[in-house]
Amino acid sequence: MSEHKLMSKDHTGIFDRMLAGGVIANDDPEMKKVWAQISRTIKLSAELNSSTNVNQSRGRLSEIIKSQIDTSTIIFVPFYTNFGQHITMGRNVFINHDCSFLDMGGITIEDNVQIGPKVSLITENHPLAPSQRKDLDLKSIVIKKNAWLGVGVTILPGVTVGENAVVAAGAVVTKDVPANTLVAGVPAKVIKTITEDK
């Protein structure tokens, strides 16, 4: 771990409101706290993405998310996040190269999840009204135990991917994925139910 120390996650004021979901106005008086966190993450991300081994990348991402990532979890760099402290990661997670987690609304990755390269988890959107376009509309993402996200998958705000589910390569997921199913396409639709023998 570098000279930076793990810090306690800040769950007060605007950060609590972000995790609760909904619209945060661009001119919210507490947005300066959000920008301070973004600046910290940008600085630490440069160190993360210069990591030369998985222990180093795990340690540096732990600093960014302000929580110790279990030693059973592997993260390949480059890895991108714009905020960081709203990521929660379980045990025995594998994250392949070139993934992007936009986590202002909260991202939870449960145990034994596999995430392929170039996967994007996006918890942030903006209202359609032109006068509100710069406001944030936040909804959390949850990836349940033993789910597998294939290469180039995009998960949009508010989605839960169920336990043991598989999201096929290139899918764009706009609604919840039931447990034990395979989904594919744009937008993703259920293709089949997964059983132990298939």
N, C-alpha and C. Protein backbone atom coordinates (compact mmCIF):
# COMPACT_ATOMS: atom_id res chain seq x y z
N MET A 1 0.84 -1.17 0.00
CA MET A 1 0.00 0.00 0.00
C MET A 1 0.88 1.23 0.00
N SER A 2 0.49 2.27 -0.71
CA SER A 2 1.31 3.48 -0.80
C SER A 2 1.23 4.28 0.49
N GLU A 3 1.71 5.53 0.40
CA GLU A 3 1.71 6.35 1.61
C GLU A 3 0.32 6.78 2.02
N HIS A 4 -0.66 6.62 1.17
CA HIS A 4 -2.04 6.99 1.51
C HIS A 4 -2.62 5.96 2.48
N LYS A 5 -3.48 6.41 3.36
CA LYS A 5 -4.10 5.52 4.34
C LYS A 5 -5.56 5.29 3.98
N LEU A 6 -6.06 4.11 4.35
CA LEU A 6 -7.49 3.88 4.21
C LEU A 6 -8.22 4.87 5.10
N MET A 7 -9.27 5.46 4.56
CA MET A 7 -10.07 6.42 5.33
C MET A 7 -11.45 5.82 5.55
N SER A 8 -12.12 6.26 6.59
CA SER A 8 -13.49 5.81 6.82
C SER A 8 -14.37 6.34 5.71
N LYS A 9 -15.31 5.50 5.26
CA LYS A 9 -16.26 5.97 4.26
C LYS A 9 -17.14 7.04 4.89
N ASP A 10 -17.38 8.10 4.14
CA ASP A 10 -18.20 9.19 4.62
C ASP A 10 -19.65 8.91 4.24
N HIS A 11 -20.49 8.67 5.23
CA HIS A 11 -21.91 8.44 4.98
C HIS A 11 -22.74 9.47 5.74
N THR A 12 -22.45 10.72 5.44
CA THR A 12 -23.20 11.81 6.07
C THR A 12 -23.67 12.76 4.97
N GLY A 13 -24.77 13.44 5.22
CA GLY A 13 -25.23 14.49 4.32
C GLY A 13 -25.44 14.00 2.90
N ILE A 14 -24.76 14.66 1.98
CA ILE A 14 -24.98 14.38 0.56
C ILE A 14 -24.63 12.94 0.19
N PHE A 15 -23.66 12.33 0.87
CA PHE A 15 -23.28 10.95 0.53
C PHE A 15 -24.41 9.98 0.89
N ASP A 16 -25.07 10.20 2.01
CA ASP A 16 -26.25 9.40 2.35
C ASP A 16 -27.35 9.58 1.32
N ARG A 17 -27.56 10.82 0.89
CA ARG A 17 -28.61 11.09 -0.10
C ARG A 17 -28.29 10.44 -1.44
N MET A 18 -27.02 10.42 -1.80
CA MET A 18 -26.61 9.76 -3.04
C MET A 18 -26.93 8.27 -2.99
N LEU A 19 -26.61 7.63 -1.88
CA LEU A 19 -26.86 6.19 -1.73
C LEU A 19 -28.35 5.88 -1.64
N ALA A 20 -29.14 6.83 -1.16
CA ALA A 20 -30.59 6.63 -1.08
C ALA A 20 -31.25 6.68 -2.46
N GLY A 21 -30.56 7.27 -3.44
CA GLY A 21 -31.07 7.36 -4.80
C GLY A 21 -31.93 8.58 -5.02
N GLY A 22 -32.15 8.87 -6.29
CA GLY A 22 -32.93 10.05 -6.67
C GLY A 22 -32.05 11.15 -7.21
N VAL A 23 -32.64 12.33 -7.37
CA VAL A 23 -31.97 13.45 -8.03
C VAL A 23 -31.20 14.30 -7.02
N ILE A 24 -29.95 14.57 -7.37
CA ILE A 24 -29.11 15.52 -6.62
C ILE A 24 -28.86 16.70 -7.55
N ALA A 25 -29.27 17.89 -7.13
CA ALA A 25 -29.12 19.08 -7.97
C ALA A 25 -27.65 19.42 -8.16
N ASN A 26 -27.30 19.86 -9.36
CA ASN A 26 -25.94 20.26 -9.67
C ASN A 26 -25.45 21.40 -8.78
N ASP A 27 -26.39 22.25 -8.35
CA ASP A 27 -26.01 23.39 -7.49
C ASP A 27 -26.26 23.11 -6.01
N ASP A 28 -26.40 21.85 -5.65
CA ASP A 28 -26.55 21.48 -4.24
C ASP A 28 -25.38 22.04 -3.45
N PRO A 29 -25.63 22.69 -2.31
CA PRO A 29 -24.53 23.31 -1.55
C PRO A 29 -23.47 22.32 -1.07
N GLU A 30 -23.80 21.02 -1.01
CA GLU A 30 -22.82 20.03 -0.57
C GLU A 30 -22.05 19.38 -1.72
N MET A 31 -22.29 19.81 -2.96
CA MET A 31 -21.59 19.20 -4.09
C MET A 31 -20.07 19.37 -4.00
N LYS A 32 -19.62 20.36 -3.27
CA LYS A 32 -18.16 20.54 -3.12
C LYS A 32 -17.53 19.31 -2.45
N LYS A 33 -18.27 18.63 -1.57
CA LYS A 33 -17.77 17.39 -0.96
C LYS A 33 -17.62 16.28 -2.01
N VAL A 34 -18.57 16.24 -2.94
CA VAL A 34 -18.51 15.24 -4.01
C VAL A 34 -17.29 15.50 -4.89
N TRP A 35 -17.08 16.75 -5.27
CA TRP A 35 -15.93 17.09 -6.11
C TRP A 35 -14.61 16.82 -5.40
N ALA A 36 -14.57 17.00 -4.09
CA ALA A 36 -13.35 16.69 -3.34
C ALA A 36 -13.05 15.19 -3.40
N GLN A 37 -14.10 14.37 -3.27
CA GLN A 37 -13.92 12.92 -3.37
C GLN A 37 -13.47 12.52 -4.77
N ILE A 38 -14.06 13.14 -5.79
CA ILE A 38 -13.67 12.85 -7.17
C ILE A 38 -12.20 13.18 -7.39
N SER A 39 -11.76 14.32 -6.88
CA SER A 39 -10.35 14.72 -7.03
C SER A 39 -9.42 13.72 -6.36
N ARG A 40 -9.80 13.25 -5.17
CA ARG A 40 -9.00 12.25 -4.48
C ARG A 40 -8.91 10.97 -5.30
N THR A 41 -10.05 10.55 -5.86
CA THR A 41 -10.09 9.32 -6.65
C THR A 41 -9.25 9.44 -7.92
N ILE A 42 -9.30 10.58 -8.58
CA ILE A 42 -8.48 10.79 -9.78
C ILE A 42 -7.00 10.63 -9.44
N LYS A 43 -6.58 11.22 -8.34
CA LYS A 43 -5.17 11.13 -7.94
C LYS A 43 -4.77 9.69 -7.63
N LEU A 44 -5.59 8.99 -6.86
CA LEU A 44 -5.26 7.61 -6.49
C LEU A 44 -5.38 6.64 -7.67
N SER A 45 -6.24 6.97 -8.64
CA SER A 45 -6.41 6.09 -9.80
C SER A 45 -5.14 6.01 -10.64
N ALA A 46 -4.39 7.10 -10.69
CA ALA A 46 -3.12 7.06 -11.43
C ALA A 46 -2.19 6.02 -10.82
N GLU A 47 -2.15 5.96 -9.49
CA GLU A 47 -1.32 4.96 -8.81
C GLU A 47 -1.88 3.54 -9.02
N LEU A 48 -3.21 3.41 -8.92
CA LEU A 48 -3.84 2.11 -9.13
C LEU A 48 -3.45 1.54 -10.49
N ASN A 49 -3.55 2.36 -11.52
CA ASN A 49 -3.36 1.86 -12.87
C ASN A 49 -1.89 1.76 -13.28
N SER A 50 -1.00 2.09 -12.36
CA SER A 50 0.43 1.80 -12.57
C SER A 50 0.87 0.59 -11.76
N SER A 51 -0.09 -0.12 -11.16
CA SER A 51 0.23 -1.31 -10.37
C SER A 51 0.91 -2.36 -11.23
N THR A 52 1.87 -3.08 -10.62
CA THR A 52 2.61 -4.11 -11.36
C THR A 52 2.28 -5.53 -10.91
N ASN A 53 1.37 -5.68 -9.94
CA ASN A 53 0.91 -7.01 -9.54
C ASN A 53 -0.46 -6.90 -8.89
N VAL A 54 -1.13 -8.05 -8.72
CA VAL A 54 -2.51 -8.03 -8.23
C VAL A 54 -2.59 -7.60 -6.76
N ASN A 55 -1.58 -7.87 -5.98
CA ASN A 55 -1.60 -7.41 -4.59
C ASN A 55 -1.57 -5.89 -4.53
N GLN A 56 -0.76 -5.31 -5.38
CA GLN A 56 -0.65 -3.85 -5.42
C GLN A 56 -1.97 -3.23 -5.89
N SER A 57 -2.57 -3.79 -6.94
CA SER A 57 -3.83 -3.22 -7.44
C SER A 57 -4.94 -3.37 -6.41
N ARG A 58 -4.98 -4.50 -5.70
CA ARG A 58 -5.99 -4.71 -4.65
C ARG A 58 -5.81 -3.67 -3.53
N GLY A 59 -4.57 -3.46 -3.11
CA GLY A 59 -4.30 -2.50 -2.05
C GLY A 59 -4.66 -1.08 -2.45
N ARG A 60 -4.31 -0.71 -3.67
CA ARG A 60 -4.58 0.66 -4.12
C ARG A 60 -6.07 0.90 -4.35
N LEU A 61 -6.80 -0.12 -4.85
CA LEU A 61 -8.25 0.04 -4.97
C LEU A 61 -8.90 0.08 -3.59
N SER A 62 -8.34 -0.64 -2.63
CA SER A 62 -8.85 -0.56 -1.24
C SER A 62 -8.78 0.87 -0.73
N GLU A 63 -7.69 1.58 -1.05
CA GLU A 63 -7.58 2.98 -0.65
C GLU A 63 -8.67 3.83 -1.29
N ILE A 64 -8.92 3.59 -2.57
CA ILE A 64 -9.92 4.39 -3.27
C ILE A 64 -11.30 4.16 -2.70
N ILE A 65 -11.67 2.91 -2.44
CA ILE A 65 -13.03 2.63 -1.96
C ILE A 65 -13.16 2.77 -0.44
N LYS A 66 -12.02 3.02 0.22
CA LYS A 66 -12.00 3.24 1.67
C LYS A 66 -12.48 2.02 2.45
N SER A 67 -12.13 0.83 1.93
CA SER A 67 -12.50 -0.41 2.59
C SER A 67 -11.52 -1.49 2.13
N GLN A 68 -11.06 -2.32 3.05
CA GLN A 68 -10.08 -3.35 2.71
C GLN A 68 -10.72 -4.44 1.87
N ILE A 69 -10.20 -4.64 0.67
CA ILE A 69 -10.69 -5.70 -0.22
C ILE A 69 -10.04 -7.01 0.20
N ASP A 70 -10.84 -8.07 0.26
CA ASP A 70 -10.34 -9.37 0.70
C ASP A 70 -9.25 -9.88 -0.24
N THR A 71 -8.27 -10.60 0.33
CA THR A 71 -7.15 -11.10 -0.46
C THR A 71 -7.55 -12.14 -1.49
N SER A 72 -8.75 -12.68 -1.40
CA SER A 72 -9.24 -13.65 -2.39
C SER A 72 -9.75 -12.97 -3.66
N THR A 73 -9.87 -11.65 -3.63
CA THR A 73 -10.39 -10.90 -4.77
C THR A 73 -9.24 -10.41 -5.65
N ILE A 74 -9.44 -10.50 -6.96
CA ILE A 74 -8.41 -10.10 -7.94
C ILE A 74 -8.97 -9.03 -8.85
N ILE A 75 -8.21 -7.94 -9.00
CA ILE A 75 -8.57 -6.86 -9.91
C ILE A 75 -7.43 -6.65 -10.88
N PHE A 76 -7.72 -6.78 -12.19
CA PHE A 76 -6.72 -6.49 -13.22
C PHE A 76 -6.85 -5.02 -13.64
N VAL A 77 -5.73 -4.35 -13.76
CA VAL A 77 -5.74 -2.97 -14.25
C VAL A 77 -5.56 -2.98 -15.76
N PRO A 78 -6.02 -1.93 -16.46
CA PRO A 78 -6.60 -0.73 -15.88
C PRO A 78 -8.01 -0.96 -15.35
N PHE A 79 -8.34 -0.22 -14.31
CA PHE A 79 -9.66 -0.22 -13.69
C PHE A 79 -10.02 1.24 -13.45
N TYR A 80 -11.25 1.61 -13.74
CA TYR A 80 -11.66 3.01 -13.65
C TYR A 80 -12.87 3.17 -12.74
N THR A 81 -12.81 4.18 -11.89
CA THR A 81 -13.98 4.61 -11.12
C THR A 81 -13.91 6.12 -10.98
N ASN A 82 -15.06 6.77 -10.98
CA ASN A 82 -15.07 8.23 -10.88
C ASN A 82 -15.24 8.71 -9.45
N PHE A 83 -15.70 7.84 -8.56
CA PHE A 83 -16.01 8.26 -7.19
C PHE A 83 -15.34 7.35 -6.17
N GLY A 84 -15.67 6.05 -6.22
CA GLY A 84 -14.92 5.06 -5.46
C GLY A 84 -15.51 4.65 -4.13
N GLN A 85 -15.85 5.61 -3.30
CA GLN A 85 -16.19 5.23 -1.92
C GLN A 85 -17.57 4.57 -1.80
N HIS A 86 -18.33 4.51 -2.89
CA HIS A 86 -19.62 3.84 -2.84
C HIS A 86 -19.59 2.47 -3.50
N ILE A 87 -18.38 1.88 -3.59
CA ILE A 87 -18.22 0.50 -4.05
C ILE A 87 -18.06 -0.40 -2.84
N THR A 88 -18.81 -1.50 -2.81
CA THR A 88 -18.65 -2.54 -1.79
C THR A 88 -18.37 -3.85 -2.52
N MET A 89 -17.31 -4.54 -2.09
CA MET A 89 -16.87 -5.73 -2.81
C MET A 89 -16.72 -6.91 -1.87
N GLY A 90 -17.23 -8.07 -2.31
CA GLY A 90 -17.18 -9.28 -1.50
C GLY A 90 -15.90 -10.06 -1.69
N ARG A 91 -15.95 -11.34 -1.30
CA ARG A 91 -14.80 -12.25 -1.36
C ARG A 91 -14.79 -13.00 -2.70
N ASN A 92 -13.59 -13.37 -3.12
CA ASN A 92 -13.41 -14.21 -4.30
C ASN A 92 -14.05 -13.62 -5.56
N VAL A 93 -13.95 -12.31 -5.68
CA VAL A 93 -14.43 -11.59 -6.87
C VAL A 93 -13.28 -11.53 -7.87
N PHE A 94 -13.60 -11.64 -9.16
CA PHE A 94 -12.59 -11.47 -10.21
C PHE A 94 -13.08 -10.38 -11.16
N ILE A 95 -12.24 -9.34 -11.35
CA ILE A 95 -12.55 -8.24 -12.26
C ILE A 95 -11.44 -8.17 -13.30
N ASN A 96 -11.80 -8.38 -14.56
CA ASN A 96 -10.82 -8.39 -15.64
C ASN A 96 -10.47 -6.97 -16.09
N HIS A 97 -9.58 -6.86 -17.08
CA HIS A 97 -9.04 -5.57 -17.52
C HIS A 97 -10.11 -4.60 -18.03
N ASP A 98 -9.86 -3.32 -17.81
CA ASP A 98 -10.54 -2.22 -18.51
C ASP A 98 -12.02 -2.08 -18.14
N CYS A 99 -12.34 -2.30 -16.86
CA CYS A 99 -13.72 -2.11 -16.39
C CYS A 99 -13.90 -0.70 -15.83
N SER A 100 -15.14 -0.20 -15.91
CA SER A 100 -15.48 1.13 -15.39
C SER A 100 -16.67 1.02 -14.45
N PHE A 101 -16.47 1.50 -13.23
CA PHE A 101 -17.54 1.51 -12.23
C PHE A 101 -17.85 2.97 -11.89
N LEU A 102 -18.98 3.49 -12.34
CA LEU A 102 -19.44 4.82 -11.95
C LEU A 102 -20.40 4.63 -10.79
N ASP A 103 -19.90 4.86 -9.58
CA ASP A 103 -20.52 4.33 -8.37
C ASP A 103 -21.18 5.36 -7.46
N MET A 104 -21.45 6.56 -7.93
CA MET A 104 -22.02 7.57 -7.03
C MET A 104 -23.30 7.07 -6.37
N GLY A 105 -24.11 6.29 -7.09
CA GLY A 105 -25.36 5.77 -6.54
C GLY A 105 -25.21 4.50 -5.74
N GLY A 106 -23.99 3.93 -5.72
CA GLY A 106 -23.72 2.73 -4.93
C GLY A 106 -23.66 1.47 -5.79
N ILE A 107 -22.54 0.75 -5.70
CA ILE A 107 -22.36 -0.53 -6.39
C ILE A 107 -21.98 -1.58 -5.36
N THR A 108 -22.73 -2.67 -5.32
CA THR A 108 -22.43 -3.79 -4.43
C THR A 108 -22.12 -5.02 -5.28
N ILE A 109 -20.91 -5.56 -5.08
CA ILE A 109 -20.49 -6.78 -5.75
C ILE A 109 -20.39 -7.85 -4.67
N GLU A 110 -21.25 -8.87 -4.73
CA GLU A 110 -21.25 -9.92 -3.71
C GLU A 110 -20.17 -10.97 -4.00
N ASP A 111 -20.08 -11.98 -3.15
CA ASP A 111 -19.03 -13.00 -3.24
C ASP A 111 -19.10 -13.79 -4.56
N ASN A 112 -17.92 -14.21 -5.03
CA ASN A 112 -17.78 -15.14 -6.16
C ASN A 112 -18.27 -14.61 -7.50
N VAL A 113 -18.35 -13.30 -7.62
CA VAL A 113 -18.77 -12.69 -8.89
C VAL A 113 -17.59 -12.66 -9.86
N GLN A 114 -17.86 -12.95 -11.14
CA GLN A 114 -16.87 -12.84 -12.20
C GLN A 114 -17.29 -11.73 -13.15
N ILE A 115 -16.36 -10.80 -13.42
CA ILE A 115 -16.64 -9.67 -14.29
C ILE A 115 -15.60 -9.66 -15.42
N GLY A 116 -16.09 -9.79 -16.65
CA GLY A 116 -15.22 -9.83 -17.81
C GLY A 116 -14.63 -8.48 -18.15
N PRO A 117 -13.73 -8.44 -19.15
CA PRO A 117 -13.11 -7.18 -19.54
C PRO A 117 -14.13 -6.20 -20.14
N LYS A 118 -13.81 -4.92 -19.97
CA LYS A 118 -14.59 -3.82 -20.57
C LYS A 118 -16.04 -3.78 -20.10
N VAL A 119 -16.30 -4.23 -18.88
CA VAL A 119 -17.65 -4.13 -18.31
C VAL A 119 -17.83 -2.75 -17.69
N SER A 120 -19.02 -2.17 -17.89
CA SER A 120 -19.35 -0.86 -17.31
C SER A 120 -20.55 -1.01 -16.39
N LEU A 121 -20.38 -0.58 -15.15
CA LEU A 121 -21.48 -0.51 -14.17
C LEU A 121 -21.75 0.97 -13.92
N ILE A 122 -22.94 1.43 -14.30
CA ILE A 122 -23.24 2.86 -14.32
C ILE A 122 -24.43 3.14 -13.41
N THR A 123 -24.20 3.82 -12.29
CA THR A 123 -25.29 4.15 -11.35
C THR A 123 -25.82 5.56 -11.55
N GLU A 124 -25.30 6.26 -12.54
CA GLU A 124 -25.58 7.69 -12.69
C GLU A 124 -26.27 7.98 -14.01
N ASN A 125 -27.27 8.85 -13.92
CA ASN A 125 -27.99 9.30 -15.10
C ASN A 125 -28.28 10.79 -14.90
N HIS A 126 -29.01 11.38 -15.82
CA HIS A 126 -29.39 12.79 -15.73
C HIS A 126 -30.85 12.93 -16.14
N PRO A 127 -31.59 13.87 -15.54
CA PRO A 127 -32.98 14.10 -15.95
C PRO A 127 -33.05 14.52 -17.42
N LEU A 128 -34.18 14.21 -18.07
CA LEU A 128 -34.36 14.59 -19.48
C LEU A 128 -34.58 16.08 -19.66
N ALA A 129 -35.23 16.74 -18.71
CA ALA A 129 -35.54 18.17 -18.86
C ALA A 129 -34.26 18.98 -19.06
N PRO A 130 -34.18 19.78 -20.12
CA PRO A 130 -32.96 20.55 -20.38
C PRO A 130 -32.50 21.40 -19.19
N SER A 131 -33.45 21.95 -18.44
CA SER A 131 -33.07 22.80 -17.31
C SER A 131 -32.44 22.01 -16.16
N GLN A 132 -32.63 20.68 -16.14
CA GLN A 132 -32.09 19.84 -15.07
C GLN A 132 -31.00 18.89 -15.58
N ARG A 133 -30.58 19.04 -16.81
CA ARG A 133 -29.71 18.06 -17.45
C ARG A 133 -28.40 17.85 -16.72
N LYS A 134 -27.91 18.84 -15.97
CA LYS A 134 -26.64 18.68 -15.25
C LYS A 134 -26.82 18.11 -13.85
N ASP A 135 -28.07 17.92 -13.43
CA ASP A 135 -28.31 17.27 -12.14
C ASP A 135 -28.00 15.78 -12.26
N LEU A 136 -27.78 15.12 -11.13
CA LEU A 136 -27.53 13.68 -11.09
C LEU A 136 -28.81 12.94 -10.71
N ASP A 137 -29.09 11.86 -11.41
CA ASP A 137 -30.19 10.97 -11.04
C ASP A 137 -29.57 9.61 -10.73
N LEU A 138 -29.54 9.24 -9.46
CA LEU A 138 -28.74 8.10 -9.00
C LEU A 138 -29.62 6.91 -8.59
N LYS A 139 -29.18 5.71 -9.00
CA LYS A 139 -29.82 4.46 -8.57
C LYS A 139 -28.73 3.42 -8.43
N SER A 140 -28.82 2.61 -7.38
CA SER A 140 -27.75 1.64 -7.08
C SER A 140 -27.80 0.43 -8.01
N ILE A 141 -26.66 -0.27 -8.06
CA ILE A 141 -26.51 -1.53 -8.78
C ILE A 141 -26.06 -2.59 -7.79
N VAL A 142 -26.67 -3.78 -7.87
CA VAL A 142 -26.26 -4.91 -7.04
C VAL A 142 -25.99 -6.10 -7.95
N ILE A 143 -24.80 -6.70 -7.81
CA ILE A 143 -24.46 -7.93 -8.52
C ILE A 143 -24.40 -9.03 -7.46
N LYS A 144 -25.36 -9.95 -7.50
CA LYS A 144 -25.50 -10.99 -6.47
C LYS A 144 -24.47 -12.11 -6.63
N LYS A 145 -24.41 -12.95 -5.60
CA LYS A 145 -23.40 -14.01 -5.52
C LYS A 145 -23.35 -14.87 -6.79
N ASN A 146 -22.11 -15.15 -7.20
CA ASN A 146 -21.82 -16.11 -8.27
C ASN A 146 -22.35 -15.70 -9.63
N ALA A 147 -22.68 -14.42 -9.80
CA ALA A 147 -23.08 -13.93 -11.13
C ALA A 147 -21.84 -13.77 -12.00
N TRP A 148 -22.06 -13.81 -13.31
CA TRP A 148 -20.97 -13.67 -14.27
C TRP A 148 -21.40 -12.67 -15.33
N LEU A 149 -20.60 -11.60 -15.46
CA LEU A 149 -20.85 -10.58 -16.47
C LEU A 149 -19.82 -10.75 -17.58
N GLY A 150 -20.28 -11.01 -18.80
CA GLY A 150 -19.38 -11.26 -19.92
C GLY A 150 -18.73 -9.99 -20.44
N VAL A 151 -17.82 -10.16 -21.40
CA VAL A 151 -17.05 -9.05 -21.94
C VAL A 151 -17.98 -7.96 -22.52
N GLY A 152 -17.66 -6.72 -22.21
CA GLY A 152 -18.35 -5.59 -22.79
C GLY A 152 -19.77 -5.37 -22.33
N VAL A 153 -20.16 -5.98 -21.22
CA VAL A 153 -21.52 -5.78 -20.67
C VAL A 153 -21.64 -4.38 -20.08
N THR A 154 -22.83 -3.79 -20.25
CA THR A 154 -23.17 -2.52 -19.60
C THR A 154 -24.38 -2.75 -18.71
N ILE A 155 -24.23 -2.40 -17.43
CA ILE A 155 -25.34 -2.47 -16.47
C ILE A 155 -25.76 -1.04 -16.15
N LEU A 156 -27.03 -0.73 -16.37
CA LEU A 156 -27.53 0.64 -16.17
C LEU A 156 -28.08 0.84 -14.76
N PRO A 157 -28.34 2.10 -14.38
CA PRO A 157 -28.75 2.40 -13.00
C PRO A 157 -29.98 1.63 -12.54
N GLY A 158 -29.94 1.21 -11.28
CA GLY A 158 -31.09 0.58 -10.63
C GLY A 158 -31.22 -0.91 -10.84
N VAL A 159 -30.25 -1.54 -11.50
CA VAL A 159 -30.36 -2.95 -11.85
C VAL A 159 -29.76 -3.84 -10.76
N THR A 160 -30.44 -4.95 -10.46
CA THR A 160 -29.89 -6.03 -9.66
C THR A 160 -29.74 -7.25 -10.57
N VAL A 161 -28.53 -7.83 -10.59
CA VAL A 161 -28.28 -9.07 -11.31
C VAL A 161 -28.35 -10.19 -10.30
N GLY A 162 -29.26 -11.14 -10.50
CA GLY A 162 -29.55 -12.17 -9.51
C GLY A 162 -28.44 -13.20 -9.34
N GLU A 163 -28.55 -13.95 -8.26
CA GLU A 163 -27.57 -14.99 -7.93
C GLU A 163 -27.46 -16.02 -9.05
N ASN A 164 -26.22 -16.37 -9.39
CA ASN A 164 -25.89 -17.36 -10.43
C ASN A 164 -26.25 -16.94 -11.84
N ALA A 165 -26.74 -15.73 -12.03
CA ALA A 165 -27.12 -15.28 -13.37
C ALA A 165 -25.89 -15.04 -14.23
N VAL A 166 -26.08 -15.14 -15.56
CA VAL A 166 -25.03 -14.86 -16.52
C VAL A 166 -25.55 -13.80 -17.49
N VAL A 167 -24.74 -12.76 -17.69
CA VAL A 167 -25.07 -11.72 -18.67
C VAL A 167 -24.11 -11.89 -19.84
N ALA A 168 -24.66 -12.19 -21.02
CA ALA A 168 -23.84 -12.51 -22.19
C ALA A 168 -23.06 -11.29 -22.68
N ALA A 169 -21.97 -11.56 -23.37
CA ALA A 169 -21.09 -10.51 -23.89
C ALA A 169 -21.88 -9.48 -24.69
N GLY A 170 -21.56 -8.21 -24.44
CA GLY A 170 -22.14 -7.11 -25.19
C GLY A 170 -23.54 -6.70 -24.79
N ALA A 171 -24.14 -7.37 -23.81
CA ALA A 171 -25.51 -7.04 -23.41
C ALA A 171 -25.57 -5.68 -22.72
N VAL A 172 -26.70 -5.02 -22.89
CA VAL A 172 -27.00 -3.78 -22.16
C VAL A 172 -28.19 -4.08 -21.27
N VAL A 173 -27.96 -4.03 -19.96
CA VAL A 173 -28.98 -4.49 -19.00
C VAL A 173 -29.70 -3.27 -18.43
N THR A 174 -31.01 -3.21 -18.71
CA THR A 174 -31.82 -2.06 -18.31
C THR A 174 -32.80 -2.38 -17.19
N LYS A 175 -32.97 -3.69 -16.88
CA LYS A 175 -33.88 -4.08 -15.80
C LYS A 175 -33.29 -5.28 -15.07
N ASP A 176 -33.85 -5.61 -13.92
CA ASP A 176 -33.31 -6.67 -13.07
C ASP A 176 -33.21 -8.00 -13.83
N VAL A 177 -32.14 -8.73 -13.52
CA VAL A 177 -31.90 -10.05 -14.10
C VAL A 177 -32.27 -11.09 -13.05
N PRO A 178 -33.23 -11.98 -13.34
CA PRO A 178 -33.61 -13.00 -12.35
C PRO A 178 -32.45 -13.95 -12.04
N ALA A 179 -32.44 -14.50 -10.84
CA ALA A 179 -31.44 -15.50 -10.47
C ALA A 179 -31.51 -16.68 -11.43
N ASN A 180 -30.34 -17.31 -11.64
CA ASN A 180 -30.26 -18.55 -12.42
C ASN A 180 -30.79 -18.42 -13.84
N THR A 181 -30.53 -17.27 -14.47
CA THR A 181 -30.92 -17.09 -15.86
C THR A 181 -29.74 -16.59 -16.67
N LEU A 182 -29.81 -16.81 -17.98
CA LEU A 182 -28.88 -16.23 -18.95
C LEU A 182 -29.64 -15.15 -19.69
N VAL A 183 -29.08 -13.92 -19.71
CA VAL A 183 -29.68 -12.84 -20.48
C VAL A 183 -28.69 -12.38 -21.55
N ALA A 184 -29.24 -11.86 -22.65
CA ALA A 184 -28.40 -11.40 -23.75
C ALA A 184 -29.15 -10.34 -24.53
N GLY A 185 -28.40 -9.52 -25.29
CA GLY A 185 -29.01 -8.58 -26.22
C GLY A 185 -29.05 -7.16 -25.72
N VAL A 186 -29.62 -6.30 -26.59
CA VAL A 186 -29.76 -4.87 -26.32
C VAL A 186 -31.19 -4.46 -26.64
N PRO A 187 -32.03 -4.21 -25.63
CA PRO A 187 -31.76 -4.43 -24.21
C PRO A 187 -31.77 -5.93 -23.89
N ALA A 188 -31.12 -6.29 -22.79
CA ALA A 188 -30.97 -7.70 -22.42
C ALA A 188 -32.33 -8.33 -22.11
N LYS A 189 -32.49 -9.56 -22.60
CA LYS A 189 -33.70 -10.34 -22.33
C LYS A 189 -33.28 -11.74 -21.89
N VAL A 190 -34.16 -12.40 -21.12
CA VAL A 190 -33.87 -13.75 -20.65
C VAL A 190 -33.88 -14.71 -21.84
N ILE A 191 -32.77 -15.46 -21.97
CA ILE A 191 -32.63 -16.45 -23.04
C ILE A 191 -32.98 -17.84 -22.55
N LYS A 192 -32.52 -18.16 -21.34
CA LYS A 192 -32.85 -19.46 -20.78
C LYS A 192 -32.59 -19.48 -19.27
N THR A 193 -33.12 -20.52 -18.63
CA THR A 193 -32.85 -20.76 -17.22
C THR A 193 -31.62 -21.64 -17.11
N ILE A 194 -30.77 -21.34 -16.14
CA ILE A 194 -29.54 -22.10 -15.93
C ILE A 194 -29.78 -23.16 -14.87
N THR A 195 -29.39 -24.41 -15.20
CA THR A 195 -29.45 -25.50 -14.23
C THR A 195 -28.06 -26.08 -14.07
N GLU A 196 -27.84 -26.89 -13.06
CA GLU A 196 -26.52 -27.44 -12.77
C GLU A 196 -25.97 -28.29 -13.90
N ASP A 197 -26.84 -28.95 -14.67
CA ASP A 197 -26.37 -29.86 -15.71
C ASP A 197 -26.19 -29.18 -17.07
N LYS A 198 -26.40 -27.84 -17.13
CA LYS A 198 -26.24 -27.13 -18.41
C LYS A 198 -25.42 -25.88 -18.22
